[in-house]
Structures are given as structure tokens and as C-alpha cells.
PDB file of N, CA and C in Angstrom:
ATOM      1  N   MET A   1     -37.917 -12.118 102.474  1.00  0.00           N
ATOM      2  CA  MET A   1     -36.760 -11.320 102.130  1.00  0.00           C
ATOM      3  C   MET A   1     -35.491 -11.933 102.728  1.00  0.00           C
ATOM      4  N   LYS A   2     -35.632 -12.432 103.972  1.00  0.00           N
ATOM      5  CA  LYS A   2     -34.485 -13.044 104.630  1.00  0.00           C
ATOM      6  C   LYS A   2     -34.053 -14.306 103.885  1.00  0.00           C
ATOM      7  N   LEU A   3     -35.024 -15.027 103.360  1.00  0.00           N
ATOM      8  CA  LEU A   3     -34.718 -16.234 102.599  1.00  0.00           C
ATOM      9  C   LEU A   3     -33.920 -15.888 101.338  1.00  0.00           C
ATOM     10  N   LEU A   4     -34.285 -14.799 100.670  1.00  0.00           N
ATOM     11  CA  LEU A   4     -33.569 -14.365  99.479  1.00  0.00           C
ATOM     12  C   LEU A   4     -32.135 -13.971  99.805  1.00  0.00           C
ATOM     13  N   ILE A   5     -31.943 -13.257 100.893  1.00  0.00           N
ATOM     14  CA  ILE A   5     -30.601 -12.852 101.309  1.00  0.00           C
ATOM     15  C   ILE A   5     -29.756 -14.074 101.649  1.00  0.00           C
ATOM     16  N   ASN A   6     -30.346 -15.036 102.334  1.00  0.00           N
ATOM     17  CA  ASN A   6     -29.623 -16.271 102.670  1.00  0.00           C
ATOM     18  C   ASN A   6     -29.244 -17.055 101.412  1.00  0.00           C
ATOM     19  N   ALA A   7     -30.134 -17.089 100.434  1.00  0.00           N
ATOM     20  CA  ALA A   7     -29.850 -17.810  99.205  1.00  0.00           C
ATOM     21  C   ALA A   7     -28.714 -17.141  98.436  1.00  0.00           C
ATOM     22  N   VAL A   8     -28.727 -15.809  98.391  1.00  0.00           N
ATOM     23  CA  VAL A   8     -27.658 -15.084  97.701  1.00  0.00           C
ATOM     24  C   VAL A   8     -26.327 -15.302  98.407  1.00  0.00           C
ATOM     25  N   CYS A   9     -26.331 -15.241  99.719  1.00  0.00           N
ATOM     26  CA  CYS A   9     -25.090 -15.474 100.474  1.00  0.00           C
ATOM     27  C   CYS A   9     -24.569 -16.889 100.258  1.00  0.00           C
ATOM     28  N   ALA A  10     -25.460 -17.858 100.244  1.00  0.00           N
ATOM     29  CA  ALA A  10     -25.049 -19.236 100.014  1.00  0.00           C
ATOM     30  C   ALA A  10     -24.467 -19.405  98.617  1.00  0.00           C
ATOM     31  N   ALA A  11     -25.070 -18.748  97.634  1.00  0.00           N
ATOM     32  CA  ALA A  11     -24.569 -18.840  96.265  1.00  0.00           C
ATOM     33  C   ALA A  11     -23.184 -18.202  96.152  1.00  0.00           C
ATOM     34  N   VAL A  12     -23.001 -17.076  96.830  1.00  0.00           N
ATOM     35  CA  VAL A  12     -21.710 -16.391  96.792  1.00  0.00           C
ATOM     36  C   VAL A  12     -20.620 -17.259  97.411  1.00  0.00           C
ATOM     37  N   ILE A  13     -20.959 -18.025  98.413  1.00  0.00           N
ATOM     38  CA  ILE A  13     -19.985 -18.888  99.072  1.00  0.00           C
ATOM     39  C   ILE A  13     -19.754 -20.176  98.279  1.00  0.00           C
ATOM     40  N   LEU A  14     -20.812 -20.774  97.742  1.00  0.00           N
ATOM     41  CA  LEU A  14     -20.690 -22.081  97.104  1.00  0.00           C
ATOM     42  C   LEU A  14     -20.129 -22.037  95.684  1.00  0.00           C
ATOM     43  N   VAL A  15     -20.417 -20.995  94.930  1.00  0.00           N
ATOM     44  CA  VAL A  15     -19.969 -20.956  93.538  1.00  0.00           C
ATOM     45  C   VAL A  15     -18.448 -21.031  93.428  1.00  0.00           C
ATOM     46  N   PRO A  16     -17.674 -20.230  94.174  1.00  0.00           N
ATOM     47  CA  PRO A  16     -16.218 -20.381  94.056  1.00  0.00           C
ATOM     48  C   PRO A  16     -15.718 -21.751  94.508  1.00  0.00           C
ATOM     49  N   MET A  17     -16.356 -22.308  95.514  1.00  0.00           N
ATOM     50  CA  MET A  17     -15.932 -23.620  95.995  1.00  0.00           C
ATOM     51  C   MET A  17     -16.170 -24.687  94.933  1.00  0.00           C
ATOM     52  N   LEU A  18     -17.309 -24.637  94.262  1.00  0.00           N
ATOM     53  CA  LEU A  18     -17.630 -25.643  93.258  1.00  0.00           C
ATOM     54  C   LEU A  18     -16.817 -25.445  91.984  1.00  0.00           C
ATOM     55  N   SER A  19     -16.479 -24.225  91.651  1.00  0.00           N
ATOM     56  CA  SER A  19     -15.710 -23.998  90.438  1.00  0.00           C
ATOM     57  C   SER A  19     -14.272 -24.477  90.596  1.00  0.00           C
ATOM     58  N   ASN A  20     -13.769 -24.550  91.807  1.00  0.00           N
ATOM     59  CA  ASN A  20     -12.411 -25.037  92.062  1.00  0.00           C
ATOM     60  C   ASN A  20     -12.384 -26.516  92.410  1.00  0.00           C
ATOM     61  N   ALA A  21     -13.505 -27.188  92.266  1.00  0.00           N
ATOM     62  CA  ALA A  21     -13.591 -28.586  92.652  1.00  0.00           C
ATOM     63  C   ALA A  21     -13.216 -29.519  91.508  1.00  0.00           C
ATOM     64  N   ALA A  22     -12.290 -29.120  90.660  1.00  0.00           N
ATOM     65  CA  ALA A  22     -11.845 -29.964  89.556  1.00  0.00           C
ATOM     66  C   ALA A  22     -11.024 -31.129  90.101  1.00  0.00           C
ATOM     67  N   GLU A  23     -10.823 -32.112  89.243  1.00  0.00           N
ATOM     68  CA  GLU A  23     -10.021 -33.262  89.654  1.00  0.00           C
ATOM     69  C   GLU A  23      -8.606 -32.824  89.989  1.00  0.00           C
ATOM     70  N   PRO A  24      -8.029 -33.368  91.030  1.00  0.00           N
ATOM     71  CA  PRO A  24      -6.646 -33.004  91.354  1.00  0.00           C
ATOM     72  C   PRO A  24      -5.685 -33.570  90.309  1.00  0.00           C
ATOM     73  N   VAL A  25      -4.616 -32.854  90.087  1.00  0.00           N
ATOM     74  CA  VAL A  25      -3.607 -33.282  89.130  1.00  0.00           C
ATOM     75  C   VAL A  25      -2.616 -34.174  89.870  1.00  0.00           C
ATOM     76  N   THR A  26      -2.327 -35.317  89.271  1.00  0.00           N
ATOM     77  CA  THR A  26      -1.398 -36.247  89.909  1.00  0.00           C
ATOM     78  C   THR A  26       0.041 -35.902  89.544  1.00  0.00           C
ATOM     79  N   ARG A  27       0.943 -36.438  90.311  1.00  0.00           N
ATOM     80  CA  ARG A  27       2.376 -36.228  90.051  1.00  0.00           C
ATOM     81  C   ARG A  27       2.760 -36.799  88.695  1.00  0.00           C
ATOM     82  N   ALA A  28       2.196 -37.938  88.347  1.00  0.00           N
ATOM     83  CA  ALA A  28       2.494 -38.563  87.062  1.00  0.00           C
ATOM     84  C   ALA A  28       2.035 -37.683  85.903  1.00  0.00           C
ATOM     85  N   GLN A  29       0.880 -37.007  86.056  1.00  0.00           N
ATOM     86  CA  GLN A  29       0.400 -36.113  85.008  1.00  0.00           C
ATOM     87  C   GLN A  29       1.334 -34.920  84.835  1.00  0.00           C
ATOM     88  N   VAL A  30       1.823 -34.377  85.946  1.00  0.00           N
ATOM     89  CA  VAL A  30       2.740 -33.236  85.887  1.00  0.00           C
ATOM     90  C   VAL A  30       4.043 -33.646  85.213  1.00  0.00           C
ATOM     91  N   ILE A  31       4.567 -34.809  85.563  1.00  0.00           N
ATOM     92  CA  ILE A  31       5.809 -35.296  84.967  1.00  0.00           C
ATOM     93  C   ILE A  31       5.616 -35.542  83.474  1.00  0.00           C
ATOM     94  N   ALA A  32       4.487 -36.126  83.082  1.00  0.00           N
ATOM     95  CA  ALA A  32       4.223 -36.376  81.668  1.00  0.00           C
ATOM     96  C   ALA A  32       4.122 -35.064  80.894  1.00  0.00           C
ATOM     97  N   GLU A  33       3.463 -34.065  81.465  1.00  0.00           N
ATOM     98  CA  GLU A  33       3.358 -32.769  80.792  1.00  0.00           C
ATOM     99  C   GLU A  33       4.727 -32.107  80.658  1.00  0.00           C
ATOM    100  N   LEU A  34       5.537 -32.191  81.690  1.00  0.00           N
ATOM    101  CA  LEU A  34       6.882 -31.624  81.624  1.00  0.00           C
ATOM    102  C   LEU A  34       7.722 -32.328  80.564  1.00  0.00           C
ATOM    103  N   GLU A  35       7.597 -33.649  80.450  1.00  0.00           N
ATOM    104  CA  GLU A  35       8.326 -34.386  79.427  1.00  0.00           C
ATOM    105  C   GLU A  35       7.882 -33.971  78.026  1.00  0.00           C
ATOM    106  N   GLN A  36       6.570 -33.736  77.854  1.00  0.00           N
ATOM    107  CA  GLN A  36       6.073 -33.280  76.560  1.00  0.00           C
ATOM    108  C   GLN A  36       6.623 -31.896  76.224  1.00  0.00           C
ATOM    109  N   LEU A  37       6.640 -31.012  77.222  1.00  0.00           N
ATOM    110  CA  LEU A  37       7.167 -29.664  77.001  1.00  0.00           C
ATOM    111  C   LEU A  37       8.652 -29.706  76.656  1.00  0.00           C
ATOM    112  N   GLU A  38       9.403 -30.548  77.339  1.00  0.00           N
ATOM    113  CA  GLU A  38      10.830 -30.673  77.051  1.00  0.00           C
ATOM    114  C   GLU A  38      11.055 -31.233  75.648  1.00  0.00           C
ATOM    115  N   ALA A  39      10.214 -32.170  75.227  1.00  0.00           N
ATOM    116  CA  ALA A  39      10.328 -32.721  73.879  1.00  0.00           C
ATOM    117  C   ALA A  39       9.998 -31.671  72.821  1.00  0.00           C
ATOM    118  N   ALA A  40       9.188 -30.672  73.206  1.00  0.00           N
ATOM    119  CA  ALA A  40       8.817 -29.603  72.277  1.00  0.00           C
ATOM    120  C   ALA A  40       9.808 -28.450  72.300  1.00  0.00           C
ATOM    121  N   GLY A  41      10.861 -28.560  73.120  1.00  0.00           N
ATOM    122  CA  GLY A  41      11.906 -27.543  73.114  1.00  0.00           C
ATOM    123  C   GLY A  41      12.037 -26.737  74.387  1.00  0.00           C
ATOM    124  N   TYR A  42      11.210 -26.988  75.389  1.00  0.00           N
ATOM    125  CA  TYR A  42      11.311 -26.246  76.646  1.00  0.00           C
ATOM    126  C   TYR A  42      12.475 -26.783  77.451  1.00  0.00           C
ATOM    127  N   ASN A  43      13.286 -25.873  77.976  1.00  0.00           N
ATOM    128  CA  ASN A  43      14.430 -26.264  78.790  1.00  0.00           C
ATOM    129  C   ASN A  43      14.341 -25.533  80.124  1.00  0.00           C
ATOM    130  N   PRO A  44      13.903 -26.211  81.184  1.00  0.00           N
ATOM    131  CA  PRO A  44      13.735 -25.538  82.472  1.00  0.00           C
ATOM    132  C   PRO A  44      15.055 -25.134  83.118  1.00  0.00           C
ATOM    133  N   GLY A  45      16.174 -25.632  82.639  1.00  0.00           N
ATOM    134  CA  GLY A  45      17.467 -25.305  83.226  1.00  0.00           C
ATOM    135  C   GLY A  45      18.111 -24.050  82.662  1.00  0.00           C
ATOM    136  N   VAL A  46      17.449 -23.398  81.710  1.00  0.00           N
ATOM    137  CA  VAL A  46      18.005 -22.189  81.089  1.00  0.00           C
ATOM    138  C   VAL A  46      17.806 -21.010  82.037  1.00  0.00           C
ATOM    139  N   ALA A  47      18.606 -19.972  81.852  1.00  0.00           N
ATOM    140  CA  ALA A  47      18.529 -18.780  82.699  1.00  0.00           C
ATOM    141  C   ALA A  47      17.107 -18.220  82.736  1.00  0.00           C
ATOM    142  N   ASP A  48      16.765 -17.568  83.832  1.00  0.00           N
ATOM    143  CA  ASP A  48      15.415 -17.065  84.052  1.00  0.00           C
ATOM    144  C   ASP A  48      14.982 -16.003  83.050  1.00  0.00           C
ATOM    145  N   ASP A  49      15.924 -15.341  82.370  1.00  0.00           N
ATOM    146  CA  ASP A  49      15.531 -14.276  81.448  1.00  0.00           C
ATOM    147  C   ASP A  49      14.810 -14.801  80.208  1.00  0.00           C
ATOM    148  N   SER A  50      14.919 -16.090  79.912  1.00  0.00           N
ATOM    149  CA  SER A  50      14.208 -16.659  78.766  1.00  0.00           C
ATOM    150  C   SER A  50      13.016 -17.509  79.187  1.00  0.00           C
ATOM    151  N   TYR A  51      12.680 -17.487  80.471  1.00  0.00           N
ATOM    152  CA  TYR A  51      11.633 -18.378  80.988  1.00  0.00           C
ATOM    153  C   TYR A  51      10.280 -18.222  80.299  1.00  0.00           C
ATOM    154  N   PRO A  52       9.665 -17.081  80.286  1.00  0.00           N
ATOM    155  CA  PRO A  52       8.304 -17.076  79.728  1.00  0.00           C
ATOM    156  C   PRO A  52       8.286 -17.392  78.233  1.00  0.00           C
ATOM    157  N   GLU A  53       9.241 -16.846  77.484  1.00  0.00           N
ATOM    158  CA  GLU A  53       9.246 -17.069  76.044  1.00  0.00           C
ATOM    159  C   GLU A  53       9.515 -18.531  75.706  1.00  0.00           C
ATOM    160  N   ASN A  54      10.443 -19.140  76.413  1.00  0.00           N
ATOM    161  CA  ASN A  54      10.797 -20.531  76.163  1.00  0.00           C
ATOM    162  C   ASN A  54       9.595 -21.445  76.410  1.00  0.00           C
ATOM    163  N   LEU A  55       8.897 -21.223  77.504  1.00  0.00           N
ATOM    164  CA  LEU A  55       7.724 -22.035  77.830  1.00  0.00           C
ATOM    165  C   LEU A  55       6.601 -21.793  76.840  1.00  0.00           C
ATOM    166  N   GLU A  56       6.350 -20.535  76.482  1.00  0.00           N
ATOM    167  CA  GLU A  56       5.272 -20.217  75.546  1.00  0.00           C
ATOM    168  C   GLU A  56       5.543 -20.819  74.166  1.00  0.00           C
ATOM    169  N   GLN A  57       6.791 -20.823  73.733  1.00  0.00           N
ATOM    170  CA  GLN A  57       7.133 -21.431  72.446  1.00  0.00           C
ATOM    171  C   GLN A  57       6.876 -22.934  72.473  1.00  0.00           C
ATOM    172  N   ALA A  58       7.248 -23.583  73.559  1.00  0.00           N
ATOM    173  CA  ALA A  58       7.021 -25.028  73.671  1.00  0.00           C
ATOM    174  C   ALA A  58       5.526 -25.334  73.717  1.00  0.00           C
ATOM    175  N   GLN A  59       4.753 -24.511  74.418  1.00  0.00           N
ATOM    176  CA  GLN A  59       3.310 -24.715  74.458  1.00  0.00           C
ATOM    177  C   GLN A  59       2.690 -24.504  73.083  1.00  0.00           C
ATOM    178  N   ALA A  60       3.191 -23.532  72.321  1.00  0.00           N
ATOM    179  CA  ALA A  60       2.687 -23.304  70.966  1.00  0.00           C
ATOM    180  C   ALA A  60       2.988 -24.499  70.070  1.00  0.00           C
ATOM    181  N   VAL A  61       4.178 -25.084  70.229  1.00  0.00           N
ATOM    182  CA  VAL A  61       4.534 -26.266  69.443  1.00  0.00           C
ATOM    183  C   VAL A  61       3.600 -27.420  69.783  1.00  0.00           C
ATOM    184  N   LEU A  62       3.331 -27.631  71.064  1.00  0.00           N
ATOM    185  CA  LEU A  62       2.418 -28.701  71.470  1.00  0.00           C
ATOM    186  C   LEU A  62       1.010 -28.467  70.934  1.00  0.00           C
ATOM    187  N   GLN A  63       0.553 -27.220  70.982  1.00  0.00           N
ATOM    188  CA  GLN A  63      -0.789 -26.899  70.472  1.00  0.00           C
ATOM    189  C   GLN A  63      -0.856 -27.138  68.971  1.00  0.00           C
ATOM    190  N   GLN A  64       0.201 -26.773  68.257  1.00  0.00           N
ATOM    191  CA  GLN A  64       0.236 -26.994  66.817  1.00  0.00           C
ATOM    192  C   GLN A  64       0.211 -28.491  66.504  1.00  0.00           C
ATOM    193  N   ARG A  65       0.973 -29.267  67.254  1.00  0.00           N
ATOM    194  CA  ARG A  65       0.967 -30.720  67.058  1.00  0.00           C
ATOM    195  C   ARG A  65      -0.416 -31.302  67.338  1.00  0.00           C
ATOM    196  N   LYS A  66      -1.067 -30.784  68.368  1.00  0.00           N
ATOM    197  CA  LYS A  66      -2.403 -31.259  68.711  1.00  0.00           C
ATOM    198  C   LYS A  66      -3.389 -30.926  67.602  1.00  0.00           C
ATOM    199  N   ASN A  67      -3.282 -29.720  67.036  1.00  0.00           N
ATOM    200  CA  ASN A  67      -4.176 -29.320  65.956  1.00  0.00           C
ATOM    201  C   ASN A  67      -3.966 -30.167  64.714  1.00  0.00           C
ATOM    202  N   VAL A  68      -2.728 -30.494  64.406  1.00  0.00           N
ATOM    203  CA  VAL A  68      -2.424 -31.329  63.246  1.00  0.00           C
ATOM    204  C   VAL A  68      -2.949 -32.741  63.477  1.00  0.00           C
ATOM    205  N   ALA A  69      -2.804 -33.230  64.693  1.00  0.00           N
ATOM    206  CA  ALA A  69      -3.236 -34.596  64.997  1.00  0.00           C
ATOM    207  C   ALA A  69      -4.758 -34.731  64.977  1.00  0.00           C
ATOM    208  N   THR A  70      -5.469 -33.666  65.322  1.00  0.00           N
ATOM    209  CA  THR A  70      -6.932 -33.763  65.376  1.00  0.00           C
ATOM    210  C   THR A  70      -7.591 -33.411  64.060  1.00  0.00           C
ATOM    211  N   SER A  71      -6.868 -32.773  63.153  1.00  0.00           N
ATOM    212  CA  SER A  71      -7.461 -32.433  61.862  1.00  0.00           C
ATOM    213  C   SER A  71      -7.292 -33.606  60.912  1.00  0.00           C
ATOM    214  N   TYR A  72      -8.243 -33.774  60.048  1.00  0.00           N
ATOM    215  CA  TYR A  72      -8.168 -34.842  59.076  1.00  0.00           C
ATOM    216  C   TYR A  72      -8.969 -34.432  57.850  1.00  0.00           C
ATOM    217  N   GLY A  73      -8.739 -35.103  56.766  1.00  0.00           N
ATOM    218  CA  GLY A  73      -9.449 -34.812  55.534  1.00  0.00           C
ATOM    219  C   GLY A  73      -8.867 -33.605  54.830  1.00  0.00           C
ATOM    220  N   SER A  74      -9.486 -33.257  53.739  1.00  0.00           N
ATOM    221  CA  SER A  74      -9.013 -32.118  52.966  1.00  0.00           C
ATOM    222  C   SER A  74      -9.671 -30.848  53.459  1.00  0.00           C
ATOM    223  N   ASP A  75      -9.198 -29.752  52.953  1.00  0.00           N
ATOM    224  CA  ASP A  75      -9.746 -28.452  53.283  1.00  0.00           C
ATOM    225  C   ASP A  75     -11.208 -28.406  52.849  1.00  0.00           C
ATOM    226  N   ALA A  76     -12.038 -27.708  53.609  1.00  0.00           N
ATOM    227  CA  ALA A  76     -13.467 -27.631  53.298  1.00  0.00           C
ATOM    228  C   ALA A  76     -13.705 -26.897  51.992  1.00  0.00           C
ATOM    229  N   ARG A  77     -12.846 -25.985  51.641  1.00  0.00           N
ATOM    230  CA  ARG A  77     -12.982 -25.256  50.362  1.00  0.00           C
ATOM    231  C   ARG A  77     -12.275 -26.050  49.283  1.00  0.00           C
ATOM    232  N   GLY A  78     -12.956 -26.279  48.210  1.00  0.00           N
ATOM    233  CA  GLY A  78     -12.360 -27.007  47.105  1.00  0.00           C
ATOM    234  C   GLY A  78     -11.519 -26.090  46.234  1.00  0.00           C
ATOM    235  N   THR A  79     -10.794 -26.694  45.308  1.00  0.00           N
ATOM    236  CA  THR A  79      -9.971 -25.878  44.421  1.00  0.00           C
ATOM    237  C   THR A  79     -10.767 -25.373  43.225  1.00  0.00           C
ATOM    238  N   THR A  80     -11.913 -25.977  42.978  1.00  0.00           N
ATOM    239  CA  THR A  80     -12.778 -25.502  41.893  1.00  0.00           C
ATOM    240  C   THR A  80     -14.137 -25.170  42.451  1.00  0.00           C
ATOM    241  N   GLN A  81     -14.820 -24.295  41.760  1.00  0.00           N
ATOM    242  CA  GLN A  81     -16.168 -23.927  42.167  1.00  0.00           C
ATOM    243  C   GLN A  81     -17.117 -24.175  41.022  1.00  0.00           C
ATOM    244  N   SER A  82     -18.297 -24.582  41.349  1.00  0.00           N
ATOM    245  CA  SER A  82     -19.296 -24.754  40.317  1.00  0.00           C
ATOM    246  C   SER A  82     -20.341 -23.661  40.442  1.00  0.00           C
ATOM    247  N   GLY A  83     -21.104 -23.470  39.430  1.00  0.00           N
ATOM    248  CA  GLY A  83     -22.142 -22.440  39.480  1.00  0.00           C
ATOM    249  C   GLY A  83     -21.853 -21.342  38.496  1.00  0.00           C
ATOM    250  N   HIS A  84     -22.142 -20.149  38.872  1.00  0.00           N
ATOM    251  CA  HIS A  84     -22.045 -19.006  37.940  1.00  0.00           C
ATOM    252  C   HIS A  84     -20.663 -18.775  37.507  1.00  0.00           C
TER     253      HIS A  84
END
């Protein structure tokens, strides 16, 4: 029983530590992301009252560009159907 309690305690301690063990973000990565956001319309120098909306709009633009860049080919549904 003591072994089970120790295992549960160890899991409770280790799981959060391992989940936060992602690669650290470098300064160059942060600068590159900020440049991408600025190119998409984000302006960090604007008054604070437009902060969340301005950033969210720029992130949406980047996501849309990413979706367009990763999609290829025609739509899966054709313009004509065969059968009945």
C-alpha cells in the first residue's frame, strides 16, 4: 500500500514537471514571431484599449495564411456527381 501511495505522489510531482519541459524559446524565435505579427497588421505601439483585438486579428491573418499555404489541390467534392 505504501508503494502505491509513493507511486501516486511521484506521478503527481513528475507529470507537471515533464509537461513543462518543452524546448525553450529563443530570442530570435520571439523576434521572428513578432515580425510576422507586425507584417500581418499587429501594431504593438497602439493604445492599450485595442491590444487584445489587434493581436487576435493578426493571429487570425497568420493562421489563414498558414491554412492557404498548406492546402493544395482542388476541393474534395466535385462539381458533378455520378450515380442515381
